[in-house]
Amino acid sequence: MIFSSLSRTSWLSAFAILSASALAAPSDQRYPLKSVDLITEIYFIASPQFRGLTHRGDWFELKARANDNWSATITSYQLRDRNLLDETYIQYEDRASVVKAGRLRGIFGFGKWSDLFYNVISRSPMVRMLPVLDQYNLQTFTSGGEYHLYKDGFDFGLQVGDGNLSDRQFLPTKTNVIQGRAQMSLADSQVGLNVAKVDRGPLSAGGEVYGLDFRRIANRVQVRAEVVGSRGSGVTGKGYYADFSYRLPGNQRTQVGIRLEEYAMGDTSTRLMTAGVRFVPLPQLAVNLNYGWTPGFGIFDRQVQSAYTPPPGYGGTLMGWSFQTMLTYRFKS
């Protein structure tokens, strides 16, 4: 068994030790706090699923930094019918490493908030949102610990914890998910290798998930791609997506792009193309216009559904036109 059993008391002790270490800093570094930042984002969306412009959700993040090394982050996401705790953790960092403890987004591929909602395509890729191993998906939060080591252009990351969380759960009750990531930087490009081990439990019958991702940002062009596969004793899934976006010359506030993606699990196989434009008229306001359709070719060795229907468990209609606005307010100390 790759996982060791950790009790709730052990995790509480770990959080207490990290918190005590933060308070052990000299008083001139603790008081006042070095900085306190608040970000709030409000989303509205229009699509064939809704009539008119509908309030999609609100996102809040409060980050307090005690000094150059210690910080704490509390994040919440309010949907139309659901309120959940987003990333909420304490962090220690120096020039060569980062340690986090708390409720964390996974380190598998592009899982951070900025990679999900600050792009031309205003939704997450199917392979990240839909299950890839029974009920387990890559956007599942993990309550536990995370460590990153940076050296000579390489980033080695390890995350261990509880992946079966309630919406407001902060502390882990078990250890059932471990994720590892190795990222290499080459000039304007980044290449990442990912692996996740999911123990047998409510989310999965047990298995592994593998991924390869690539990103390049140069001048006005951004290319991003990710391919994911899995194996295990239960139902397994696989998929990929590739994003290409271009910032128009002479108009840095306008960005156009396209995404090709494919997802397969069990008897479900879906392919989708989405084109979009993103316009930022004000620093506090961004608007996205997207259009999705099914292209006439595939990569997986199975026949893709000719008449597209949203895969089971995926909330929302992906075909046709959709529109999103994002209002952002930033308060910095």
Protein backbone atom coordinates (compact mmCIF):
# COMPACT_ATOMS: atom_id res chain seq x y z
CA MET A 1 0.00 0.00 0.00
CA ILE A 2 1.50 3.30 -1.09
CA PHE A 3 -0.42 5.27 1.53
CA SER A 4 0.32 5.37 5.23
CA SER A 5 -2.57 5.74 7.66
CA LEU A 6 -2.64 9.16 9.28
CA SER A 7 -5.15 9.94 11.99
CA ARG A 8 -7.08 13.19 12.33
CA THR A 9 -5.04 13.93 15.46
CA SER A 10 -1.80 13.62 13.47
CA TRP A 11 -3.01 16.12 10.89
CA LEU A 12 -4.17 18.54 13.60
CA SER A 13 -0.73 18.29 15.20
CA ALA A 14 0.95 19.06 11.87
CA PHE A 15 -1.18 22.18 11.39
CA ALA A 16 -0.45 23.29 14.96
CA ILE A 17 3.31 22.91 14.44
CA LEU A 18 3.24 24.92 11.21
CA SER A 19 1.14 27.65 12.83
CA ALA A 20 3.43 27.82 15.85
CA SER A 21 6.45 28.12 13.57
CA ALA A 22 4.86 31.10 11.83
CA LEU A 23 4.24 32.81 15.17
CA ALA A 24 7.84 32.19 16.18
CA ALA A 25 9.05 34.92 13.80
CA PRO A 26 10.49 38.06 15.45
CA SER A 27 7.82 40.54 16.56
CA ASP A 28 9.04 43.24 14.18
CA GLN A 29 8.25 40.84 11.30
CA ARG A 30 4.86 39.74 12.66
CA TYR A 31 3.26 43.07 13.53
CA PRO A 32 2.04 44.69 11.48
CA LEU A 33 1.46 42.13 8.74
CA LYS A 34 3.58 42.74 5.68
CA SER A 35 0.51 42.74 3.43
CA VAL A 36 -3.18 41.82 3.29
CA ASP A 37 -4.73 41.38 -0.16
CA LEU A 38 -8.37 40.76 -1.08
CA ILE A 39 -9.63 39.71 -4.50
CA THR A 40 -13.30 39.31 -5.34
CA GLU A 41 -14.63 38.15 -8.72
CA ILE A 42 -18.27 38.12 -9.88
CA TYR A 43 -19.32 36.01 -12.87
CA PHE A 44 -22.37 36.25 -15.12
CA ILE A 45 -23.07 33.81 -17.95
CA ALA A 46 -25.50 33.43 -20.86
CA SER A 47 -25.84 30.14 -22.77
CA PRO A 48 -28.51 27.89 -24.32
CA GLN A 49 -28.97 26.40 -20.86
CA PHE A 50 -30.17 29.71 -19.33
CA ARG A 51 -32.43 32.56 -20.36
CA GLY A 52 -30.75 35.95 -20.40
CA LEU A 53 -27.67 36.87 -18.40
CA THR A 54 -27.50 34.70 -15.26
CA HIS A 55 -25.43 35.15 -12.13
CA ARG A 56 -22.97 32.25 -12.27
CA GLY A 57 -21.04 32.69 -9.05
CA ASP A 58 -18.75 34.74 -6.79
CA TRP A 59 -15.15 34.02 -5.86
CA PHE A 60 -13.30 35.56 -2.91
CA GLU A 61 -9.68 35.28 -1.83
CA LEU A 62 -8.02 36.79 1.23
CA LYS A 63 -4.24 36.46 1.50
CA ALA A 64 -2.29 37.67 4.55
CA ARG A 65 1.49 37.70 4.46
CA ALA A 66 3.35 37.81 7.77
CA ASN A 67 6.82 38.20 6.22
CA ASP A 68 8.79 37.07 3.17
CA ASN A 69 8.35 33.41 4.13
CA TRP A 70 4.98 32.90 5.84
CA SER A 71 1.49 33.54 4.45
CA ALA A 72 -2.09 32.32 4.86
CA THR A 73 -4.80 32.13 2.18
CA ILE A 74 -8.58 31.73 2.58
CA THR A 75 -10.69 31.31 -0.57
CA SER A 76 -14.42 30.72 -1.08
CA TYR A 77 -16.56 30.10 -4.16
CA GLN A 78 -20.30 30.83 -4.12
CA LEU A 79 -22.30 29.18 -6.93
CA ARG A 80 -25.99 29.70 -7.62
CA ASP A 81 -27.00 26.77 -5.42
CA ARG A 82 -23.79 25.81 -3.66
CA ASN A 83 -21.14 27.37 -1.46
CA LEU A 84 -17.78 25.70 -1.17
CA LEU A 85 -14.39 26.36 0.30
CA ASP A 86 -11.73 26.86 -2.38
CA GLU A 87 -8.00 26.73 -1.65
CA THR A 88 -7.44 27.52 2.04
CA TYR A 89 -3.97 26.92 3.43
CA ILE A 90 -0.89 28.21 5.20
CA GLN A 91 2.36 28.42 3.26
CA TYR A 92 6.08 28.65 3.90
CA GLU A 93 8.35 29.60 1.00
CA ASP A 94 11.95 30.50 0.28
CA ARG A 95 13.98 30.81 -2.89
CA ALA A 96 14.24 27.07 -3.44
CA SER A 97 11.04 25.54 -2.05
CA VAL A 98 7.38 25.96 -1.08
CA VAL A 99 5.47 24.04 1.60
CA LYS A 100 1.66 24.22 1.92
CA ALA A 101 -0.79 22.66 4.37
CA GLY A 102 -4.57 22.84 4.16
CA ARG A 103 -7.26 22.51 1.49
CA LEU A 104 -5.45 22.52 -1.85
CA ARG A 105 -6.12 22.30 -5.56
CA GLY A 106 -4.28 19.40 -7.16
CA ILE A 107 -0.83 19.86 -8.67
CA PHE A 108 -1.76 17.56 -11.58
CA GLY A 109 -1.32 19.61 -14.78
CA PHE A 110 -3.04 22.99 -15.08
CA GLY A 111 -5.19 23.02 -11.98
CA LYS A 112 -4.80 26.54 -10.62
CA TRP A 113 -7.57 29.11 -10.74
CA SER A 114 -5.76 31.39 -13.21
CA ASP A 115 -5.45 28.47 -15.63
CA LEU A 116 -9.17 27.78 -15.43
CA PHE A 117 -10.92 31.15 -15.74
CA TYR A 118 -8.49 33.68 -17.20
CA ASN A 119 -8.46 32.31 -20.74
CA VAL A 120 -10.31 32.86 -24.00
CA ILE A 121 -12.34 29.66 -23.44
CA SER A 122 -14.46 30.43 -20.38
CA ARG A 123 -14.83 26.91 -19.00
CA SER A 124 -12.60 24.07 -17.86
CA PRO A 125 -11.66 21.27 -20.29
CA MET A 126 -13.81 18.15 -20.15
CA VAL A 127 -10.93 15.88 -19.18
CA ARG A 128 -10.28 18.02 -16.10
CA MET A 129 -13.90 18.30 -14.96
CA LEU A 130 -15.24 14.82 -15.80
CA PRO A 131 -14.17 11.60 -14.01
CA VAL A 132 -10.98 9.91 -15.16
CA LEU A 133 -11.04 7.10 -12.59
CA ASP A 134 -14.51 6.00 -11.42
CA GLN A 135 -15.79 9.17 -9.65
CA TYR A 136 -12.40 10.82 -9.29
CA ASN A 137 -11.66 13.92 -11.41
CA LEU A 138 -8.62 16.19 -11.64
CA GLN A 139 -10.41 19.18 -10.08
CA THR A 140 -11.00 17.33 -6.81
CA PHE A 141 -9.60 19.23 -3.82
CA THR A 142 -7.04 17.56 -1.55
CA SER A 143 -6.80 18.30 2.17
CA GLY A 144 -3.24 17.63 3.26
CA GLY A 145 0.29 18.78 2.49
CA GLU A 146 2.22 19.88 -0.59
CA TYR A 147 5.92 20.39 -1.22
CA HIS A 148 7.72 21.97 -4.20
CA LEU A 149 11.45 22.05 -4.87
CA TYR A 150 12.82 24.46 -7.49
CA LYS A 151 16.27 23.91 -8.96
CA ASP A 152 17.93 24.79 -12.28
CA GLY A 153 14.67 25.36 -14.15
CA PHE A 154 13.00 22.26 -12.69
CA ASP A 155 9.97 22.12 -10.38
CA PHE A 156 9.42 18.89 -8.43
CA GLY A 157 6.09 18.74 -6.57
CA LEU A 158 4.47 16.23 -4.24
CA GLN A 159 0.98 16.42 -2.70
CA VAL A 160 -0.51 13.93 -0.23
CA GLY A 161 -3.86 13.99 1.53
CA ASP A 162 -7.59 13.32 1.59
CA GLY A 163 -9.34 13.65 -1.76
CA ASN A 164 -12.86 12.79 -0.57
CA LEU A 165 -13.94 16.14 0.91
CA SER A 166 -17.19 17.88 1.69
CA ASP A 167 -17.74 21.40 0.33
CA ARG A 168 -16.52 23.12 3.52
CA GLN A 169 -14.02 20.53 4.75
CA PHE A 170 -10.58 21.88 5.66
CA LEU A 171 -8.90 19.10 7.67
CA PRO A 172 -8.28 15.58 6.28
CA THR A 173 -9.64 12.42 7.87
CA LYS A 174 -7.49 9.96 5.89
CA THR A 175 -4.80 9.74 3.23
CA ASN A 176 -6.12 8.37 -0.05
CA VAL A 177 -4.59 10.47 -2.85
CA ILE A 178 -0.98 11.24 -3.73
CA GLN A 179 0.03 13.40 -6.70
CA GLY A 180 3.48 14.05 -8.14
CA ARG A 181 4.61 16.55 -10.74
CA ALA A 182 7.92 17.25 -12.49
CA GLN A 183 8.09 20.41 -14.60
CA MET A 184 10.93 21.61 -16.79
CA SER A 185 11.32 25.14 -18.18
CA LEU A 186 12.86 25.67 -21.62
CA ALA A 187 13.06 29.33 -22.67
CA ASP A 188 9.42 30.37 -23.15
CA SER A 189 8.07 26.83 -22.74
CA GLN A 190 7.17 24.53 -19.86
CA VAL A 191 6.73 20.76 -20.00
CA GLY A 192 5.19 18.80 -17.14
CA LEU A 193 4.86 15.12 -16.24
CA ASN A 194 2.14 14.14 -13.75
CA VAL A 195 1.05 11.04 -11.86
CA ALA A 196 -1.69 10.48 -9.29
CA LYS A 197 -2.28 7.41 -7.15
CA VAL A 198 -5.87 7.05 -5.89
CA ASP A 199 -6.52 4.54 -3.12
CA ARG A 200 -9.62 2.38 -2.96
CA GLY A 201 -12.53 4.28 -1.42
CA PRO A 202 -15.76 6.24 -2.12
CA LEU A 203 -14.20 7.98 -5.14
CA SER A 204 -12.53 5.06 -6.83
CA ALA A 205 -11.86 1.34 -6.84
CA GLY A 206 -8.21 2.31 -6.91
CA GLY A 207 -5.78 3.10 -9.70
CA GLU A 208 -3.41 5.58 -11.27
CA VAL A 209 -3.78 8.66 -13.47
CA TYR A 210 -1.02 9.88 -15.78
CA GLY A 211 -0.60 13.15 -17.63
CA LEU A 212 1.66 15.17 -19.89
CA ASP A 213 1.23 18.92 -20.39
CA PHE A 214 2.88 21.68 -22.39
CA ARG A 215 2.66 25.46 -22.31
CA ARG A 216 4.37 28.16 -24.32
CA ILE A 217 3.87 31.91 -23.97
CA ALA A 218 5.80 34.07 -26.41
CA ASN A 219 5.00 37.56 -27.59
CA ARG A 220 1.25 37.55 -28.40
CA VAL A 221 0.86 33.76 -28.71
CA GLN A 222 -0.06 31.25 -26.01
CA VAL A 223 -0.21 27.49 -26.64
CA ARG A 224 -1.36 25.06 -23.96
CA ALA A 225 -2.07 21.32 -24.20
CA GLU A 226 -2.65 18.41 -21.83
CA VAL A 227 -3.21 14.68 -22.35
CA VAL A 228 -4.49 12.41 -19.56
CA GLY A 229 -4.90 8.65 -19.20
CA SER A 230 -5.65 6.26 -16.35
CA ARG A 231 -5.67 2.63 -15.33
CA GLY A 232 -7.33 0.80 -12.45
CA SER A 233 -9.72 -1.89 -11.35
CA GLY A 234 -12.78 0.32 -11.98
CA VAL A 235 -13.98 2.39 -14.93
CA THR A 236 -11.14 4.42 -16.45
CA GLY A 237 -11.13 7.52 -18.63
CA LYS A 238 -8.81 9.44 -20.89
CA GLY A 239 -8.77 12.66 -22.83
CA TYR A 240 -6.85 15.62 -24.11
CA TYR A 241 -7.24 19.26 -25.01
CA ALA A 242 -5.17 21.84 -26.89
CA ASP A 243 -5.62 25.61 -26.57
CA PHE A 244 -4.24 28.20 -28.95
CA SER A 245 -4.75 31.93 -28.30
CA TYR A 246 -3.46 35.08 -29.95
CA ARG A 247 -3.46 38.66 -28.68
CA LEU A 248 -4.27 41.00 -31.55
CA PRO A 249 -1.49 43.39 -32.63
CA GLY A 250 -2.28 46.98 -31.81
CA ASN A 251 -5.07 45.85 -29.46
CA GLN A 252 -3.59 44.13 -26.42
CA ARG A 253 -6.99 44.05 -24.73
CA THR A 254 -8.44 41.62 -27.29
CA GLN A 255 -7.49 37.96 -27.49
CA VAL A 256 -8.85 35.27 -29.84
CA GLY A 257 -8.43 31.53 -29.48
CA ILE A 258 -9.62 28.01 -30.14
CA ARG A 259 -9.73 24.72 -28.21
CA LEU A 260 -9.90 21.15 -29.50
CA GLU A 261 -10.70 18.52 -26.89
CA GLU A 262 -11.79 14.93 -26.58
CA TYR A 263 -12.93 12.82 -23.64
CA ALA A 264 -13.75 9.12 -23.32
CA MET A 265 -14.91 6.98 -20.39
CA GLY A 266 -16.81 3.72 -20.57
CA ASP A 267 -19.35 3.97 -23.38
CA THR A 268 -19.14 7.78 -23.49
CA SER A 269 -16.88 9.41 -26.05
CA THR A 270 -17.17 13.08 -26.86
CA ARG A 271 -15.22 15.49 -29.04
CA LEU A 272 -15.64 19.25 -29.05
CA MET A 273 -14.21 22.34 -30.71
CA THR A 274 -14.66 25.76 -29.11
CA ALA A 275 -13.71 29.14 -30.55
CA GLY A 276 -13.72 32.33 -28.55
CA VAL A 277 -12.77 35.95 -28.11
CA ARG A 278 -11.88 37.73 -24.87
CA PHE A 279 -12.06 41.51 -24.49
CA VAL A 280 -10.86 43.50 -21.46
CA PRO A 281 -12.38 47.00 -21.76
CA LEU A 282 -11.40 47.93 -18.19
CA PRO A 283 -8.89 46.49 -15.72
CA GLN A 284 -11.87 45.39 -13.61
CA LEU A 285 -13.97 43.93 -16.44
CA ALA A 286 -13.47 41.09 -18.91
CA VAL A 287 -15.97 39.55 -21.36
CA ASN A 288 -15.78 36.22 -23.21
CA LEU A 289 -17.81 35.08 -26.20
CA ASN A 290 -17.53 31.35 -27.09
CA TYR A 291 -19.03 29.02 -29.67
CA GLY A 292 -18.80 25.22 -29.45
CA TRP A 293 -19.39 22.54 -32.08
CA THR A 294 -18.44 18.93 -32.93
CA PRO A 295 -15.63 18.61 -35.51
CA GLY A 296 -15.66 15.79 -38.03
CA PHE A 297 -12.55 13.90 -36.97
CA GLY A 298 -11.24 12.04 -33.94
CA ILE A 299 -8.08 10.63 -32.41
CA PHE A 300 -9.30 7.90 -30.04
CA ASP A 301 -9.79 4.40 -31.44
CA ARG A 302 -13.58 4.43 -31.10
CA GLN A 303 -16.49 6.00 -32.91
CA VAL A 304 -17.35 9.38 -31.45
CA GLN A 305 -21.01 10.16 -30.97
CA SER A 306 -22.29 11.86 -34.11
CA ALA A 307 -25.15 13.55 -32.24
CA TYR A 308 -23.50 15.34 -29.33
CA THR A 309 -25.00 15.13 -25.86
CA PRO A 310 -23.28 16.44 -22.71
CA PRO A 311 -21.48 13.58 -20.92
CA PRO A 312 -23.09 12.32 -17.71
CA GLY A 313 -22.17 14.44 -14.72
CA TYR A 314 -21.12 17.50 -16.69
CA GLY A 315 -23.26 20.46 -15.76
CA GLY A 316 -24.02 22.80 -18.60
CA THR A 317 -24.48 22.86 -22.34
CA LEU A 318 -21.22 23.10 -24.28
CA MET A 319 -22.62 23.47 -27.79
CA GLY A 320 -23.57 26.75 -29.45
CA TRP A 321 -23.02 30.27 -28.18
CA SER A 322 -22.12 31.26 -24.63
CA PHE A 323 -21.21 34.59 -23.08
CA GLN A 324 -19.45 35.35 -19.80
CA THR A 325 -18.53 38.53 -17.95
CA MET A 326 -16.11 38.78 -15.04
CA LEU A 327 -15.96 41.73 -12.63
CA THR A 328 -12.77 41.83 -10.57
CA TYR A 329 -11.94 43.99 -7.56
CA ARG A 330 -8.53 43.93 -5.93
CA PHE A 331 -7.75 45.54 -2.60
CA LYS A 332 -4.10 45.66 -1.58
CA SER A 333 -2.61 46.91 1.64
